[in-house]
Amino acid sequence: MIRRDMFRALVGIAVAAGVGAWAPLTHAEAAAADEFVRTLSTEVIDAVKSDKAIQAGDVPRIRALVDAKVMPHVNFERMTSRSVGPQWRAATAEQKKRMLEEFKILLVNTYSGALTQVKDQSVHVKPLRAVSEGDLVVRTEVRGRGEPIQLDYRLEKNGEGWKIFDVNVSGFWIVEAYKGQFAKDLSAGGMDALINRLAEKNKAASSATKN
């Protein structure tokens, strides 16, 4: 099992992510998906490597990078709804709005801490495997010092481009990881309990960065 700090670092690099009726992708579409992942990963890593402030832990600068480079390429609502699970459908519009806000802060905080771990890594995209129904999985390896780490991206077609809605880090899909964490709060008090728990966690993280 990979260490927690390495997992967070790789999540930062990785995201640094309802599908309609499924149809087989053309070779050109598959190639475009590969190039999308390669370009996004390289842009994020290069931005971190070239910014001393980010490497030193400048949180506002890191968050600005995440918002500018990462979040526009993630289907955030789908990622959130999959992490919450069945209770998402029963949530009110206000609960969904609050959950999206708090979950985004949680992810940005995670990525912000993770990106400071980037040093000499590079990303290599592997040959595309067969597409499962409804999903396109692009496999990559993060190479640097030590053993390479495999990353898998679940993508959906978005007009002429692509959106990420899940990332697998050495066998751990992050949506499933969050879903497991959220299940306890949902069981104890429903959506409001989960939202309040995330709000407390995000507030604590924000206070920690100011000290």
N, C-alpha and C. Protein backbone atom coordinates (compact mmCIF):
# COMPACT_ATOMS: atom_id res chain seq x y z
N MET A 1 0.85 -1.20 0.00
CA MET A 1 0.00 0.00 0.00
C MET A 1 0.88 1.24 0.00
N ILE A 2 0.56 2.23 -0.84
CA ILE A 2 1.38 3.42 -0.89
C ILE A 2 1.10 4.31 0.30
N ARG A 3 2.12 5.08 0.71
CA ARG A 3 1.97 5.94 1.87
C ARG A 3 0.97 7.06 1.59
N ARG A 4 0.39 7.59 2.69
CA ARG A 4 -0.64 8.62 2.53
C ARG A 4 -0.11 9.85 1.82
N ASP A 5 1.11 10.32 2.17
CA ASP A 5 1.62 11.52 1.52
C ASP A 5 1.87 11.30 0.04
N MET A 6 2.35 10.08 -0.33
CA MET A 6 2.54 9.77 -1.74
C MET A 6 1.21 9.69 -2.46
N PHE A 7 0.19 9.10 -1.79
CA PHE A 7 -1.14 9.02 -2.39
C PHE A 7 -1.67 10.42 -2.69
N ARG A 8 -1.51 11.33 -1.72
CA ARG A 8 -2.00 12.71 -1.92
C ARG A 8 -1.23 13.39 -3.04
N ALA A 9 0.06 13.16 -3.10
CA ALA A 9 0.86 13.76 -4.16
C ALA A 9 0.40 13.27 -5.52
N LEU A 10 0.15 11.99 -5.64
CA LEU A 10 -0.26 11.43 -6.92
C LEU A 10 -1.65 11.86 -7.31
N VAL A 11 -2.53 12.02 -6.31
CA VAL A 11 -3.87 12.54 -6.60
C VAL A 11 -3.74 13.96 -7.18
N GLY A 12 -2.86 14.75 -6.61
CA GLY A 12 -2.65 16.10 -7.13
C GLY A 12 -2.19 16.10 -8.56
N ILE A 13 -1.25 15.22 -8.87
CA ILE A 13 -0.77 15.10 -10.24
C ILE A 13 -1.86 14.59 -11.15
N ALA A 14 -2.61 13.61 -10.68
CA ALA A 14 -3.60 12.94 -11.52
C ALA A 14 -4.70 13.88 -11.96
N VAL A 15 -5.15 14.67 -11.02
CA VAL A 15 -6.26 15.53 -11.39
C VAL A 15 -5.72 16.82 -11.98
N ALA A 16 -4.32 16.82 -11.65
CA ALA A 16 -3.45 17.87 -12.22
C ALA A 16 -2.99 17.62 -13.67
N ALA A 17 -9.53 15.22 -13.14
CA ALA A 17 -10.48 14.85 -13.66
C ALA A 17 -11.11 15.69 -13.12
N GLY A 18 -23.60 12.12 -15.88
CA GLY A 18 -24.12 10.89 -16.50
C GLY A 18 -23.75 10.87 -17.95
N VAL A 19 -23.00 9.76 -18.28
CA VAL A 19 -22.68 9.57 -19.67
C VAL A 19 -23.93 9.11 -20.42
N GLY A 20 -24.08 9.59 -21.64
CA GLY A 20 -25.21 9.19 -22.45
C GLY A 20 -25.01 7.80 -23.01
N ALA A 21 -25.75 7.46 -24.03
CA ALA A 21 -25.65 6.13 -24.62
C ALA A 21 -24.23 5.87 -25.11
N TRP A 22 -23.74 4.67 -24.83
CA TRP A 22 -22.37 4.34 -25.14
C TRP A 22 -22.25 3.93 -26.61
N ALA A 23 -21.16 4.38 -27.23
CA ALA A 23 -20.84 3.96 -28.60
C ALA A 23 -19.34 3.78 -28.68
N PRO A 24 -18.87 2.84 -29.50
CA PRO A 24 -17.43 2.63 -29.60
C PRO A 24 -16.72 3.90 -30.06
N LEU A 25 -15.57 4.17 -29.46
CA LEU A 25 -14.80 5.34 -29.85
C LEU A 25 -13.99 5.05 -31.10
N THR A 26 -13.83 6.07 -31.93
CA THR A 26 -12.97 5.92 -33.09
C THR A 26 -11.52 6.00 -32.66
N HIS A 27 -10.63 5.61 -33.55
CA HIS A 27 -9.20 5.69 -33.25
C HIS A 27 -8.79 7.13 -32.97
N ALA A 28 -9.36 8.06 -33.73
CA ALA A 28 -9.02 9.48 -33.55
C ALA A 28 -9.47 9.99 -32.19
N GLU A 29 -10.66 9.55 -31.74
CA GLU A 29 -11.15 9.97 -30.43
C GLU A 29 -10.28 9.41 -29.31
N ALA A 30 -9.89 8.16 -29.43
CA ALA A 30 -9.02 7.55 -28.42
C ALA A 30 -7.68 8.27 -28.36
N ALA A 31 -7.12 8.59 -29.52
CA ALA A 31 -5.86 9.32 -29.58
C ALA A 31 -6.00 10.70 -28.95
N ALA A 32 -7.14 11.35 -29.17
CA ALA A 32 -7.38 12.67 -28.59
C ALA A 32 -7.46 12.59 -27.07
N ALA A 33 -8.06 11.52 -26.55
CA ALA A 33 -8.15 11.33 -25.09
C ALA A 33 -6.76 11.15 -24.50
N ASP A 34 -5.93 10.35 -25.15
CA ASP A 34 -4.54 10.16 -24.71
C ASP A 34 -3.81 11.50 -24.66
N GLU A 35 -3.97 12.28 -25.70
CA GLU A 35 -3.26 13.56 -25.78
C GLU A 35 -3.76 14.55 -24.74
N PHE A 36 -5.07 14.51 -24.47
CA PHE A 36 -5.64 15.37 -23.43
C PHE A 36 -4.99 15.09 -22.08
N VAL A 37 -4.90 13.82 -21.71
CA VAL A 37 -4.30 13.45 -20.43
C VAL A 37 -2.82 13.84 -20.40
N ARG A 38 -2.11 13.56 -21.48
CA ARG A 38 -0.68 13.88 -21.53
C ARG A 38 -0.45 15.39 -21.39
N THR A 39 -1.24 16.17 -22.11
CA THR A 39 -1.06 17.63 -22.09
C THR A 39 -1.41 18.21 -20.73
N LEU A 40 -2.54 17.80 -20.15
CA LEU A 40 -2.95 18.34 -18.85
C LEU A 40 -1.94 18.00 -17.77
N SER A 41 -1.51 16.74 -17.72
CA SER A 41 -0.55 16.30 -16.70
C SER A 41 0.76 17.07 -16.82
N THR A 42 1.24 17.23 -18.04
CA THR A 42 2.51 17.93 -18.27
C THR A 42 2.41 19.40 -17.89
N GLU A 43 1.29 20.03 -18.25
CA GLU A 43 1.11 21.45 -17.93
C GLU A 43 1.13 21.67 -16.42
N VAL A 44 0.43 20.82 -15.67
CA VAL A 44 0.37 20.98 -14.22
C VAL A 44 1.74 20.77 -13.59
N ILE A 45 2.42 19.70 -13.99
CA ILE A 45 3.72 19.40 -13.41
C ILE A 45 4.72 20.50 -13.75
N ASP A 46 4.72 20.97 -15.00
CA ASP A 46 5.65 22.03 -15.40
C ASP A 46 5.38 23.33 -14.64
N ALA A 47 4.09 23.62 -14.40
CA ALA A 47 3.74 24.84 -13.66
C ALA A 47 4.27 24.77 -12.23
N VAL A 48 4.16 23.60 -11.62
CA VAL A 48 4.67 23.44 -10.25
C VAL A 48 6.19 23.54 -10.22
N LYS A 49 6.85 22.87 -11.14
CA LYS A 49 8.31 22.86 -11.17
C LYS A 49 8.91 24.25 -11.38
N SER A 50 8.18 25.10 -12.12
CA SER A 50 8.70 26.42 -12.45
C SER A 50 8.32 27.50 -11.44
N ASP A 51 7.54 27.14 -10.42
CA ASP A 51 7.05 28.13 -9.46
C ASP A 51 7.61 27.85 -8.07
N LYS A 52 8.58 28.64 -7.67
CA LYS A 52 9.22 28.46 -6.36
C LYS A 52 8.23 28.66 -5.21
N ALA A 53 7.28 29.57 -5.41
CA ALA A 53 6.30 29.86 -4.36
C ALA A 53 5.44 28.63 -4.08
N ILE A 54 5.02 27.94 -5.15
CA ILE A 54 4.21 26.73 -4.97
C ILE A 54 5.02 25.66 -4.26
N GLN A 55 6.25 25.47 -4.66
CA GLN A 55 7.10 24.46 -4.03
C GLN A 55 7.38 24.79 -2.57
N ALA A 56 7.31 26.07 -2.24
CA ALA A 56 7.53 26.48 -0.85
C ALA A 56 6.26 26.40 -0.02
N GLY A 57 5.12 26.10 -0.67
CA GLY A 57 3.87 25.92 0.07
C GLY A 57 2.97 27.14 0.11
N ASP A 58 3.07 28.04 -0.88
CA ASP A 58 2.21 29.22 -0.96
C ASP A 58 0.79 28.75 -1.32
N VAL A 59 -0.07 28.63 -0.30
CA VAL A 59 -1.39 28.03 -0.49
C VAL A 59 -2.27 28.82 -1.47
N PRO A 60 -2.40 30.15 -1.35
CA PRO A 60 -3.23 30.88 -2.32
C PRO A 60 -2.76 30.68 -3.76
N ARG A 61 -1.46 30.63 -3.97
CA ARG A 61 -0.92 30.43 -5.33
C ARG A 61 -1.22 29.02 -5.83
N ILE A 62 -1.11 28.06 -4.93
CA ILE A 62 -1.42 26.67 -5.30
C ILE A 62 -2.89 26.53 -5.65
N ARG A 63 -3.75 27.13 -4.84
CA ARG A 63 -5.19 27.04 -5.11
C ARG A 63 -5.54 27.71 -6.44
N ALA A 64 -4.86 28.81 -6.74
CA ALA A 64 -5.10 29.49 -8.02
C ALA A 64 -4.71 28.58 -9.19
N LEU A 65 -3.60 27.84 -9.03
CA LEU A 65 -3.18 26.91 -10.07
C LEU A 65 -4.20 25.79 -10.25
N VAL A 66 -4.67 25.25 -9.14
CA VAL A 66 -5.67 24.17 -9.20
C VAL A 66 -6.94 24.65 -9.90
N ASP A 67 -7.42 25.83 -9.51
CA ASP A 67 -8.64 26.36 -10.12
C ASP A 67 -8.47 26.64 -11.61
N ALA A 68 -7.29 27.13 -12.00
CA ALA A 68 -7.05 27.50 -13.39
C ALA A 68 -6.76 26.31 -14.28
N LYS A 69 -5.97 25.36 -13.78
CA LYS A 69 -5.47 24.27 -14.62
C LYS A 69 -6.26 22.97 -14.49
N VAL A 70 -6.77 22.70 -13.31
CA VAL A 70 -7.36 21.38 -13.05
C VAL A 70 -8.88 21.37 -13.11
N MET A 71 -9.52 22.21 -12.30
CA MET A 71 -10.96 22.14 -12.15
C MET A 71 -11.75 22.31 -13.46
N PRO A 72 -11.30 23.14 -14.41
CA PRO A 72 -12.07 23.24 -15.66
C PRO A 72 -12.16 21.93 -16.44
N HIS A 73 -11.28 20.98 -16.13
CA HIS A 73 -11.25 19.72 -16.87
C HIS A 73 -11.85 18.56 -16.08
N VAL A 74 -12.54 18.86 -14.98
CA VAL A 74 -13.17 17.83 -14.15
C VAL A 74 -14.68 18.00 -14.19
N ASN A 75 -15.40 16.89 -14.39
CA ASN A 75 -16.85 16.92 -14.24
C ASN A 75 -17.12 16.85 -12.75
N PHE A 76 -17.15 18.02 -12.13
CA PHE A 76 -17.17 18.09 -10.68
C PHE A 76 -18.48 17.59 -10.09
N GLU A 77 -19.58 17.90 -10.75
CA GLU A 77 -20.87 17.45 -10.21
C GLU A 77 -20.98 15.93 -10.28
N ARG A 78 -20.52 15.33 -11.36
CA ARG A 78 -20.58 13.87 -11.46
C ARG A 78 -19.66 13.23 -10.42
N MET A 79 -18.48 13.81 -10.22
CA MET A 79 -17.55 13.29 -9.23
C MET A 79 -18.16 13.35 -7.82
N THR A 80 -18.83 14.45 -7.52
CA THR A 80 -19.46 14.62 -6.22
C THR A 80 -20.62 13.66 -6.02
N SER A 81 -21.48 13.56 -7.02
CA SER A 81 -22.65 12.69 -6.89
C SER A 81 -22.25 11.23 -6.74
N ARG A 82 -21.21 10.81 -7.46
CA ARG A 82 -20.73 9.43 -7.34
C ARG A 82 -20.11 9.17 -5.97
N SER A 83 -19.46 10.19 -5.41
CA SER A 83 -18.85 10.04 -4.09
C SER A 83 -19.90 9.97 -2.99
N VAL A 84 -20.99 10.70 -3.16
CA VAL A 84 -22.07 10.68 -2.16
C VAL A 84 -22.88 9.40 -2.27
N GLY A 85 -23.14 8.96 -3.50
CA GLY A 85 -23.91 7.73 -3.69
C GLY A 85 -25.40 7.99 -3.81
N PRO A 86 -26.25 7.01 -3.50
CA PRO A 86 -27.69 7.11 -3.72
C PRO A 86 -28.36 8.30 -3.05
N GLN A 87 -27.84 8.76 -1.91
CA GLN A 87 -28.49 9.88 -1.20
C GLN A 87 -28.41 11.19 -1.99
N TRP A 88 -27.54 11.24 -2.99
CA TRP A 88 -27.46 12.46 -3.81
C TRP A 88 -28.79 12.74 -4.50
N ARG A 89 -29.44 11.70 -4.98
CA ARG A 89 -30.70 11.89 -5.73
C ARG A 89 -31.80 12.45 -4.84
N ALA A 90 -31.76 12.13 -3.55
CA ALA A 90 -32.79 12.59 -2.63
C ALA A 90 -32.48 13.95 -2.01
N ALA A 91 -31.29 14.47 -2.25
CA ALA A 91 -30.88 15.74 -1.64
C ALA A 91 -31.64 16.90 -2.26
N THR A 92 -31.85 17.94 -1.46
CA THR A 92 -32.50 19.14 -1.96
C THR A 92 -31.52 19.94 -2.81
N ALA A 93 -32.03 20.91 -3.54
CA ALA A 93 -31.16 21.76 -4.36
C ALA A 93 -30.15 22.51 -3.49
N GLU A 94 -30.58 22.96 -2.32
CA GLU A 94 -29.69 23.68 -1.42
C GLU A 94 -28.60 22.75 -0.87
N GLN A 95 -28.98 21.52 -0.52
CA GLN A 95 -27.99 20.56 -0.03
C GLN A 95 -26.96 20.24 -1.11
N LYS A 96 -27.41 20.08 -2.35
CA LYS A 96 -26.48 19.80 -3.44
C LYS A 96 -25.53 20.97 -3.65
N LYS A 97 -26.06 22.18 -3.58
CA LYS A 97 -25.23 23.37 -3.75
C LYS A 97 -24.14 23.43 -2.68
N ARG A 98 -24.54 23.22 -1.42
CA ARG A 98 -23.59 23.26 -0.31
C ARG A 98 -22.57 22.13 -0.40
N MET A 99 -23.04 20.95 -0.80
CA MET A 99 -22.14 19.81 -0.91
C MET A 99 -21.10 20.05 -2.00
N LEU A 100 -21.52 20.57 -3.13
CA LEU A 100 -20.59 20.88 -4.21
C LEU A 100 -19.53 21.88 -3.75
N GLU A 101 -19.97 22.89 -3.00
CA GLU A 101 -19.04 23.92 -2.52
C GLU A 101 -18.01 23.32 -1.56
N GLU A 102 -18.48 22.54 -0.59
CA GLU A 102 -17.57 21.98 0.42
C GLU A 102 -16.67 20.89 -0.17
N PHE A 103 -17.21 20.10 -1.07
CA PHE A 103 -16.40 19.04 -1.67
C PHE A 103 -15.31 19.64 -2.56
N LYS A 104 -15.63 20.73 -3.25
CA LYS A 104 -14.61 21.38 -4.08
C LYS A 104 -13.49 21.92 -3.19
N ILE A 105 -13.84 22.54 -2.06
CA ILE A 105 -12.81 23.05 -1.15
C ILE A 105 -11.96 21.90 -0.64
N LEU A 106 -12.60 20.77 -0.30
CA LEU A 106 -11.86 19.60 0.17
C LEU A 106 -10.85 19.13 -0.88
N LEU A 107 -11.29 19.03 -2.13
CA LEU A 107 -10.40 18.58 -3.19
C LEU A 107 -9.27 19.57 -3.44
N VAL A 108 -9.61 20.85 -3.48
CA VAL A 108 -8.58 21.87 -3.71
C VAL A 108 -7.54 21.84 -2.59
N ASN A 109 -8.00 21.69 -1.35
CA ASN A 109 -7.05 21.60 -0.23
C ASN A 109 -6.15 20.37 -0.37
N THR A 110 -6.74 19.25 -0.79
CA THR A 110 -5.96 18.03 -0.98
C THR A 110 -4.93 18.23 -2.08
N TYR A 111 -5.37 18.79 -3.21
CA TYR A 111 -4.45 19.01 -4.32
C TYR A 111 -3.36 20.02 -3.94
N SER A 112 -3.75 21.05 -3.19
CA SER A 112 -2.79 22.09 -2.83
C SER A 112 -1.63 21.52 -2.02
N GLY A 113 -1.96 20.67 -1.06
CA GLY A 113 -0.91 20.03 -0.28
C GLY A 113 -0.12 19.05 -1.12
N ALA A 114 -0.79 18.35 -2.03
CA ALA A 114 -0.13 17.34 -2.84
C ALA A 114 0.86 17.94 -3.82
N LEU A 115 0.52 19.07 -4.42
CA LEU A 115 1.36 19.63 -5.46
C LEU A 115 2.72 20.09 -4.94
N THR A 116 2.82 20.36 -3.66
CA THR A 116 4.14 20.74 -3.11
C THR A 116 5.09 19.55 -3.10
N GLN A 117 4.56 18.33 -3.32
CA GLN A 117 5.40 17.13 -3.33
C GLN A 117 6.04 16.89 -4.69
N VAL A 118 5.58 17.59 -5.72
CA VAL A 118 6.09 17.37 -7.06
C VAL A 118 7.52 17.89 -7.18
N LYS A 119 8.42 17.03 -7.63
CA LYS A 119 9.82 17.42 -7.79
C LYS A 119 10.30 17.14 -9.21
N ASP A 120 10.65 15.87 -9.47
CA ASP A 120 11.22 15.53 -10.77
C ASP A 120 10.38 14.53 -11.55
N GLN A 121 9.10 14.40 -11.21
CA GLN A 121 8.26 13.42 -11.87
C GLN A 121 7.93 13.81 -13.31
N SER A 122 7.67 12.81 -14.12
CA SER A 122 7.15 13.01 -15.47
C SER A 122 6.06 11.96 -15.70
N VAL A 123 5.15 12.24 -16.63
CA VAL A 123 4.01 11.36 -16.88
C VAL A 123 4.16 10.71 -18.25
N HIS A 124 3.95 9.39 -18.30
CA HIS A 124 4.01 8.63 -19.55
C HIS A 124 2.68 7.92 -19.76
N VAL A 125 2.06 8.19 -20.92
CA VAL A 125 0.76 7.60 -21.23
C VAL A 125 0.96 6.23 -21.87
N LYS A 126 0.24 5.22 -21.36
CA LYS A 126 0.34 3.85 -21.88
C LYS A 126 -0.64 3.65 -23.03
N PRO A 127 -0.42 2.61 -23.83
CA PRO A 127 -1.37 2.29 -24.92
C PRO A 127 -2.78 2.09 -24.37
N LEU A 128 -3.75 2.58 -25.11
CA LEU A 128 -5.14 2.53 -24.66
C LEU A 128 -5.66 1.11 -24.66
N ARG A 129 -6.35 0.73 -23.58
CA ARG A 129 -6.99 -0.58 -23.51
C ARG A 129 -8.39 -0.51 -24.10
N ALA A 130 -9.02 -1.67 -24.21
CA ALA A 130 -10.41 -1.71 -24.68
C ALA A 130 -11.28 -0.86 -23.78
N VAL A 131 -12.25 -0.20 -24.35
CA VAL A 131 -13.14 0.69 -23.60
C VAL A 131 -14.28 -0.10 -23.01
N SER A 132 -14.52 0.05 -21.70
CA SER A 132 -15.67 -0.58 -21.07
C SER A 132 -16.90 0.26 -21.34
N GLU A 133 -18.06 -0.33 -21.17
CA GLU A 133 -19.30 0.40 -21.50
C GLU A 133 -19.46 1.63 -20.64
N GLY A 134 -19.58 2.79 -21.29
CA GLY A 134 -19.78 4.04 -20.57
C GLY A 134 -18.53 4.72 -20.08
N ASP A 135 -17.39 4.04 -20.13
CA ASP A 135 -16.15 4.60 -19.61
C ASP A 135 -15.04 4.54 -20.65
N LEU A 136 -14.17 5.52 -20.61
CA LEU A 136 -12.90 5.44 -21.33
C LEU A 136 -11.81 5.58 -20.27
N VAL A 137 -10.95 4.59 -20.17
CA VAL A 137 -9.88 4.62 -19.18
C VAL A 137 -8.56 4.83 -19.88
N VAL A 138 -7.87 5.93 -19.53
CA VAL A 138 -6.54 6.22 -20.04
C VAL A 138 -5.55 5.89 -18.93
N ARG A 139 -4.58 5.04 -19.22
CA ARG A 139 -3.61 4.60 -18.22
C ARG A 139 -2.30 5.37 -18.39
N THR A 140 -1.72 5.79 -17.27
CA THR A 140 -0.43 6.47 -17.31
C THR A 140 0.46 5.96 -16.19
N GLU A 141 1.73 6.29 -16.29
CA GLU A 141 2.69 6.04 -15.22
C GLU A 141 3.37 7.34 -14.85
N VAL A 142 3.51 7.58 -13.55
CA VAL A 142 4.29 8.71 -13.06
C VAL A 142 5.69 8.18 -12.75
N ARG A 143 6.68 8.71 -13.44
CA ARG A 143 8.04 8.21 -13.30
C ARG A 143 8.94 9.28 -12.71
N GLY A 144 9.74 8.87 -11.78
CA GLY A 144 10.70 9.75 -11.14
C GLY A 144 11.65 8.88 -10.37
N ARG A 145 11.99 9.29 -9.18
CA ARG A 145 12.81 8.44 -8.33
C ARG A 145 11.96 7.29 -7.79
N GLY A 146 12.57 6.12 -7.66
CA GLY A 146 11.84 4.97 -7.14
C GLY A 146 11.02 4.30 -8.22
N GLU A 147 10.15 3.40 -7.78
CA GLU A 147 9.33 2.64 -8.70
C GLU A 147 8.26 3.53 -9.35
N PRO A 148 7.96 3.30 -10.64
CA PRO A 148 6.87 4.07 -11.29
C PRO A 148 5.52 3.73 -10.66
N ILE A 149 4.63 4.70 -10.64
CA ILE A 149 3.29 4.52 -10.08
C ILE A 149 2.27 4.62 -11.21
N GLN A 150 1.39 3.63 -11.28
CA GLN A 150 0.38 3.64 -12.33
C GLN A 150 -0.81 4.50 -11.93
N LEU A 151 -1.30 5.28 -12.89
CA LEU A 151 -2.50 6.10 -12.71
C LEU A 151 -3.46 5.80 -13.85
N ASP A 152 -4.74 5.67 -13.53
CA ASP A 152 -5.78 5.47 -14.53
C ASP A 152 -6.79 6.61 -14.42
N TYR A 153 -7.22 7.11 -15.56
CA TYR A 153 -8.20 8.20 -15.59
C TYR A 153 -9.48 7.73 -16.24
N ARG A 154 -10.61 7.95 -15.61
CA ARG A 154 -11.90 7.72 -16.24
C ARG A 154 -12.34 9.04 -16.88
N LEU A 155 -12.61 8.98 -18.16
CA LEU A 155 -12.98 10.18 -18.92
C LEU A 155 -14.36 10.02 -19.54
N GLU A 156 -15.01 11.15 -19.74
CA GLU A 156 -16.25 11.18 -20.51
C GLU A 156 -16.09 12.18 -21.63
N LYS A 157 -16.77 11.93 -22.74
CA LYS A 157 -16.73 12.85 -23.87
C LYS A 157 -17.52 14.09 -23.50
N ASN A 158 -16.97 15.25 -23.81
CA ASN A 158 -17.61 16.53 -23.48
C ASN A 158 -17.51 17.44 -24.70
N GLY A 159 -18.53 17.35 -25.56
CA GLY A 159 -18.46 18.10 -26.80
C GLY A 159 -17.30 17.59 -27.64
N GLU A 160 -16.38 18.49 -27.98
CA GLU A 160 -15.20 18.10 -28.74
C GLU A 160 -14.03 17.71 -27.85
N GLY A 161 -14.21 17.84 -26.52
CA GLY A 161 -13.13 17.56 -25.59
C GLY A 161 -13.47 16.44 -24.63
N TRP A 162 -12.78 16.46 -23.47
CA TRP A 162 -12.92 15.40 -22.48
C TRP A 162 -12.99 15.99 -21.08
N LYS A 163 -13.64 15.25 -20.19
CA LYS A 163 -13.69 15.62 -18.77
C LYS A 163 -13.31 14.40 -17.93
N ILE A 164 -12.57 14.65 -16.85
CA ILE A 164 -12.20 13.59 -15.91
C ILE A 164 -13.29 13.47 -14.86
N PHE A 165 -13.67 12.22 -14.52
CA PHE A 165 -14.63 12.07 -13.42
C PHE A 165 -14.16 11.06 -12.37
N ASP A 166 -12.98 10.50 -12.54
CA ASP A 166 -12.42 9.64 -11.49
C ASP A 166 -10.96 9.35 -11.83
N VAL A 167 -10.17 9.07 -10.81
CA VAL A 167 -8.76 8.76 -10.99
C VAL A 167 -8.40 7.57 -10.11
N ASN A 168 -7.66 6.63 -10.67
CA ASN A 168 -7.21 5.45 -9.95
C ASN A 168 -5.72 5.58 -9.67
N VAL A 169 -5.35 5.56 -8.40
CA VAL A 169 -3.95 5.63 -8.00
C VAL A 169 -3.54 4.26 -7.45
N SER A 170 -2.79 3.50 -8.26
CA SER A 170 -2.31 2.17 -7.84
C SER A 170 -3.42 1.30 -7.25
N GLY A 171 -4.57 1.29 -7.92
CA GLY A 171 -5.65 0.43 -7.47
C GLY A 171 -6.70 1.11 -6.62
N PHE A 172 -6.50 2.38 -6.26
CA PHE A 172 -7.44 3.10 -5.41
C PHE A 172 -8.16 4.17 -6.24
N TRP A 173 -9.42 3.91 -6.60
CA TRP A 173 -10.22 4.94 -7.27
C TRP A 173 -10.65 5.96 -6.22
N ILE A 174 -10.35 7.25 -6.46
CA ILE A 174 -10.57 8.24 -5.41
C ILE A 174 -12.05 8.46 -5.11
N VAL A 175 -12.93 8.29 -6.11
CA VAL A 175 -14.36 8.42 -5.84
C VAL A 175 -14.80 7.36 -4.85
N GLU A 176 -14.35 6.14 -5.03
CA GLU A 176 -14.70 5.07 -4.10
C GLU A 176 -14.11 5.34 -2.72
N ALA A 177 -12.90 5.90 -2.68
CA ALA A 177 -12.28 6.21 -1.40
C ALA A 177 -13.10 7.25 -0.63
N TYR A 178 -13.53 8.32 -1.32
CA TYR A 178 -14.37 9.32 -0.66
C TYR A 178 -15.73 8.75 -0.30
N LYS A 179 -16.26 7.90 -1.16
CA LYS A 179 -17.57 7.31 -0.89
C LYS A 179 -17.56 6.52 0.42
N GLY A 180 -16.46 5.81 0.63
CA GLY A 180 -16.33 5.07 1.88
C GLY A 180 -16.25 5.97 3.09
N GLN A 181 -15.50 7.09 2.95
CA GLN A 181 -15.38 8.04 4.05
C GLN A 181 -16.72 8.72 4.35
N PHE A 182 -17.46 9.06 3.29
CA PHE A 182 -18.71 9.80 3.46
C PHE A 182 -19.83 8.92 4.02
N ALA A 183 -19.74 7.61 3.82
CA ALA A 183 -20.83 6.72 4.19
C ALA A 183 -21.18 6.79 5.67
N LYS A 184 -20.17 6.95 6.53
CA LYS A 184 -20.42 6.98 7.97
C LYS A 184 -21.25 8.19 8.35
N ASP A 185 -20.89 9.36 7.83
CA ASP A 185 -21.65 10.58 8.15
C ASP A 185 -23.06 10.52 7.57
N LEU A 186 -23.18 9.96 6.37
CA LEU A 186 -24.50 9.84 5.76
C LEU A 186 -25.39 8.90 6.56
N SER A 187 -24.82 7.82 7.06
CA SER A 187 -25.59 6.87 7.86
C SER A 187 -26.01 7.47 9.19
N ALA A 188 -25.13 8.31 9.75
CA ALA A 188 -25.40 8.88 11.07
C ALA A 188 -26.42 10.02 11.03
N GLY A 189 -26.33 10.87 10.01
CA GLY A 189 -27.20 12.03 10.02
C GLY A 189 -27.63 12.54 8.66
N GLY A 190 -27.40 11.76 7.61
CA GLY A 190 -27.82 12.17 6.28
C GLY A 190 -26.92 13.23 5.67
N MET A 191 -27.43 13.88 4.64
CA MET A 191 -26.64 14.82 3.87
C MET A 191 -26.16 16.01 4.70
N ASP A 192 -27.02 16.53 5.58
CA ASP A 192 -26.62 17.68 6.40
C ASP A 192 -25.43 17.34 7.30
N ALA A 193 -25.42 16.14 7.86
CA ALA A 193 -24.31 15.73 8.71
C ALA A 193 -23.01 15.66 7.92
N LEU A 194 -23.08 15.15 6.70
CA LEU A 194 -21.89 15.08 5.85
C LEU A 194 -21.40 16.47 5.49
N ILE A 195 -22.30 17.35 5.10
CA ILE A 195 -21.92 18.71 4.72
C ILE A 195 -21.27 19.43 5.89
N ASN A 196 -21.87 19.31 7.08
CA ASN A 196 -21.32 19.97 8.26
C ASN A 196 -19.94 19.42 8.62
N ARG A 197 -19.78 18.11 8.45
CA ARG A 197 -18.48 17.49 8.73
C ARG A 197 -17.42 18.02 7.77
N LEU A 198 -17.76 18.14 6.51
CA LEU A 198 -16.80 18.67 5.53
C LEU A 198 -16.49 20.13 5.81
N ALA A 199 -17.51 20.90 6.18
CA ALA A 199 -17.31 22.31 6.49
C ALA A 199 -16.34 22.48 7.66
N GLU A 200 -16.50 21.64 8.69
CA GLU A 200 -15.59 21.69 9.83
C GLU A 200 -14.16 21.34 9.42
N LYS A 201 -14.03 20.31 8.61
CA LYS A 201 -12.72 19.87 8.14
C LYS A 201 -12.05 20.95 7.29
N ASN A 202 -12.82 21.58 6.41
CA ASN A 202 -12.28 22.62 5.55
C ASN A 202 -11.89 23.86 6.35
N LYS A 203 -12.69 24.18 7.37
CA LYS A 203 -12.37 25.33 8.23
C LYS A 203 -11.09 25.08 9.00
N ALA A 204 -10.92 23.86 9.49
CA ALA A 204 -9.70 23.51 10.23
C ALA A 204 -8.48 23.59 9.32
N ALA A 205 -8.63 23.12 8.08
CA ALA A 205 -7.52 23.16 7.13
C ALA A 205 -7.16 24.60 6.79
N SER A 206 -8.20 25.45 6.64
CA SER A 206 -7.93 26.86 6.34
C SER A 206 -7.22 27.55 7.48
N SER A 207 -7.62 27.26 8.72
CA SER A 207 -6.97 27.85 9.89
C SER A 207 -5.53 27.40 10.01
N ALA A 208 -5.27 26.14 9.67
CA ALA A 208 -3.92 25.61 9.78
C ALA A 208 -2.96 26.31 8.83
N THR A 209 -3.45 26.67 7.64
CA THR A 209 -2.57 27.33 6.65
C THR A 209 -2.26 28.77 7.04
N LYS A 210 -3.09 29.35 7.91
CA LYS A 210 -2.85 30.73 8.34
C LYS A 210 -1.88 30.83 9.50
N ASN A 211 -1.67 29.72 10.21
CA ASN A 211 -0.79 29.71 11.39
C ASN A 211 0.65 29.43 11.02
